[in-house]
C-alpha atoms as a PDB file:
ATOM      1  CA  MET A   1     -34.363  99.582  80.239  1.00  0.00           C
ATOM      2  CA  GLY A   2     -37.489 102.053  80.583  1.00  0.00           C
ATOM      3  CA  CYS A   3     -39.003 100.464  83.718  1.00  0.00           C
ATOM      4  CA  CYS A   4     -35.655  99.860  85.507  1.00  0.00           C
ATOM      5  CA  ASN A   5     -34.636 103.595  85.323  1.00  0.00           C
ATOM      6  CA  VAL A   6     -37.826 105.108  86.672  1.00  0.00           C
ATOM      7  CA  ALA A   7     -36.653 105.882  90.052  1.00  0.00           C
ATOM      8  CA  LEU A   8     -33.109 106.864  88.943  1.00  0.00           C
ATOM      9  CA  VAL A   9     -34.656 109.296  86.261  1.00  0.00           C
ATOM     10  CA  PHE A  10     -36.887 111.093  88.868  1.00  0.00           C
ATOM     11  CA  SER A  11     -34.053 111.600  91.311  1.00  0.00           C
ATOM     12  CA  THR A  12     -31.441 112.872  88.769  1.00  0.00           C
ATOM     13  CA  THR A  13     -33.661 115.143  86.321  1.00  0.00           C
ATOM     14  CA  SER A  14     -34.387 118.628  86.615  1.00  0.00           C
ATOM     15  CA  VAL A  15     -35.622 121.393  84.223  1.00  0.00           C
ATOM     16  CA  ASP A  16     -33.170 124.112  83.576  1.00  0.00           C
ATOM     17  CA  ASP A  17     -34.011 127.065  81.829  1.00  0.00           C
ATOM     18  CA  GLY A  18     -37.016 125.241  80.251  1.00  0.00           C
ATOM     19  CA  ILE A  19     -34.756 122.298  79.216  1.00  0.00           C
ATOM     20  CA  CYS A  20     -35.491 119.073  80.852  1.00  0.00           C
ATOM     21  CA  MET A  21     -32.226 117.560  81.777  1.00  0.00           C
ATOM     22  CA  GLU A  22     -32.131 113.958  82.530  1.00  0.00           C
ATOM     23  CA  PHE A  23     -29.429 112.076  84.363  1.00  0.00           C
ATOM     24  CA  ALA A  24     -27.637 115.238  84.829  1.00  0.00           C
ATOM     25  CA  PHE A  25     -27.908 116.013  88.524  1.00  0.00           C
ATOM     26  CA  TRP A  26     -26.357 113.279  90.832  1.00  0.00           C
ATOM     27  CA  ASN A  27     -26.108 113.517  94.327  1.00  0.00           C
ATOM     28  CA  ASP A  28     -22.915 111.505  94.420  1.00  0.00           C
ATOM     29  CA  ARG A  29     -20.153 111.074  91.983  1.00  0.00           C
ATOM     30  CA  ALA A  30     -19.746 107.371  92.906  1.00  0.00           C
ATOM     31  CA  ALA A  31     -23.306 106.795  92.151  1.00  0.00           C
ATOM     32  CA  GLU A  32     -23.014 108.284  88.520  1.00  0.00           C
ATOM     33  CA  LEU A  33     -19.915 106.291  87.928  1.00  0.00           C
ATOM     34  CA  ALA A  34     -21.478 103.083  89.268  1.00  0.00           C
ATOM     35  CA  HIS A  35     -24.469 103.740  87.068  1.00  0.00           C
ATOM     36  CA  GLY A  36     -22.137 104.372  83.819  1.00  0.00           C
ATOM     37  CA  VAL A  37     -20.103 101.041  84.649  1.00  0.00           C
ATOM     38  CA  TRP A  38     -23.295  99.112  85.020  1.00  0.00           C
ATOM     39  CA  ASN A  39     -24.718 100.349  81.814  1.00  0.00           C
ATOM     40  CA  PHE A  40     -21.537  99.534  79.750  1.00  0.00           C
ATOM     41  CA  VAL A  41     -21.298  95.999  81.326  1.00  0.00           C
ATOM     42  CA  SER A  42     -24.919  95.225  80.873  1.00  0.00           C
ATOM     43  CA  PHE A  43     -25.664  96.646  77.455  1.00  0.00           C
ATOM     44  CA  PHE A  44     -22.225  96.210  75.746  1.00  0.00           C
ATOM     45  CA  VAL A  45     -20.123  93.661  77.392  1.00  0.00           C
ATOM     46  CA  LEU A  46     -22.646  91.094  78.219  1.00  0.00           C
ATOM     47  CA  ILE A  47     -24.411  91.303  74.896  1.00  0.00           C
ATOM     48  CA  LEU A  48     -20.969  90.860  73.280  1.00  0.00           C
ATOM     49  CA  ALA A  49     -20.252  87.968  75.224  1.00  0.00           C
ATOM     50  CA  ILE A  50     -23.647  86.268  74.653  1.00  0.00           C
ATOM     51  CA  PHE A  51     -22.806  86.971  70.706  1.00  0.00           C
ATOM     52  CA  ILE A  52     -19.301  85.514  70.937  1.00  0.00           C
ATOM     53  CA  PHE A  53     -20.485  82.240  72.971  1.00  0.00           C
ATOM     54  CA  CYS A  54     -23.411  81.622  70.700  1.00  0.00           C
ATOM     55  CA  TYR A  55     -21.376  82.146  67.523  1.00  0.00           C
ATOM     56  CA  TRP A  56     -18.744  79.851  69.029  1.00  0.00           C
ATOM     57  CA  ARG A  57     -21.210  77.074  69.742  1.00  0.00           C
ATOM     58  CA  ILE A  58     -22.679  77.386  65.999  1.00  0.00           C
ATOM     59  CA  LEU A  59     -19.176  76.822  64.706  1.00  0.00           C
ATOM     60  CA  VAL A  60     -18.567  73.925  67.008  1.00  0.00           C
ATOM     61  CA  VAL A  61     -21.703  72.411  65.700  1.00  0.00           C
ATOM     62  CA  ILE A  62     -20.653  73.016  61.969  1.00  0.00           C
ATOM     63  CA  ARG A  63     -17.349  71.594  62.506  1.00  0.00           C
ATOM     64  CA  ARG A  64     -18.609  68.604  64.180  1.00  0.00           C
ATOM     65  CA  GLN A  65     -21.072  68.155  61.275  1.00  0.00           C
ATOM     66  CA  ALA A  66     -18.326  68.692  58.640  1.00  0.00           C
ATOM     67  CA  SER A  67     -16.124  65.874  60.365  1.00  0.00           C
ATOM     68  CA  VAL A  68     -19.057  63.412  60.462  1.00  0.00           C
ATOM     69  CA  MET A  69     -19.865  64.084  56.651  1.00  0.00           C
ATOM     70  CA  SER A  70     -16.236  63.724  55.851  1.00  0.00           C
ATOM     71  CA  SER A  71     -15.950  60.408  57.369  1.00  0.00           C
ATOM     72  CA  TYR A  72     -18.788  59.141  55.273  1.00  0.00           C
ATOM     73  CA  GLY A  73     -16.968  59.782  52.138  1.00  0.00           C
ATOM     74  CA  SER A  74     -14.445  57.372  50.287  1.00  0.00           C
ATOM     75  CA  SER A  75     -11.375  58.066  48.249  1.00  0.00           C
ATOM     76  CA  ALA A  76     -13.175  56.516  45.240  1.00  0.00           C
ATOM     77  CA  PRO A  77     -14.967  59.207  42.921  1.00  0.00           C
ATOM     78  CA  SER A  78     -18.649  59.246  43.222  1.00  0.00           C
ATOM     79  CA  THR A  79     -21.096  58.171  40.549  1.00  0.00           C
ATOM     80  CA  SER A  80     -21.894  61.711  39.540  1.00  0.00           C
ATOM     81  CA  GLN A  81     -18.270  62.573  39.253  1.00  0.00           C
ATOM     82  CA  ILE A  82     -17.514  59.695  36.985  1.00  0.00           C
ATOM     83  CA  GLN A  83     -20.607  60.501  34.771  1.00  0.00           C
ATOM     84  CA  SER A  84     -19.463  64.083  34.423  1.00  0.00           C
ATOM     85  CA  ASN A  85     -16.165  63.062  33.493  1.00  0.00           C
ATOM     86  CA  GLN A  86     -17.204  60.810  30.807  1.00  0.00           C
ATOM     87  CA  ILE A  87     -19.545  63.512  29.416  1.00  0.00           C
ATOM     88  CA  CYS A  88     -16.699  65.987  29.373  1.00  0.00           C
ATOM     89  CA  LEU A  89     -14.409  63.342  27.505  1.00  0.00           C
ATOM     90  CA  ASN A  90     -17.115  62.400  24.812  1.00  0.00           C
ATOM     91  CA  GLU A  91     -17.614  65.875  23.687  1.00  0.00           C
ATOM     92  CA  PRO A  92     -15.999  66.649  20.449  1.00  0.00           C
END
């Protein structure tokens, strides 16, 4: 963000009563509004859309992997489940 705003900062900054005020003095209200909209879209909406898209893709891969893994399973209990049940039944 720093190098992209150099020209904009120079044209909208002024020192008023010893206080440096950046992005405070715009020549045109439309330019100020356009800059605000651009900042909101590029630094909030776009980033949020990227996160949503990536999270959605991760969930798709996880669900696909879960369905593949469930297709390998059978209705019969596994060997470890049988052994665990036998151990529980043999305890006094």
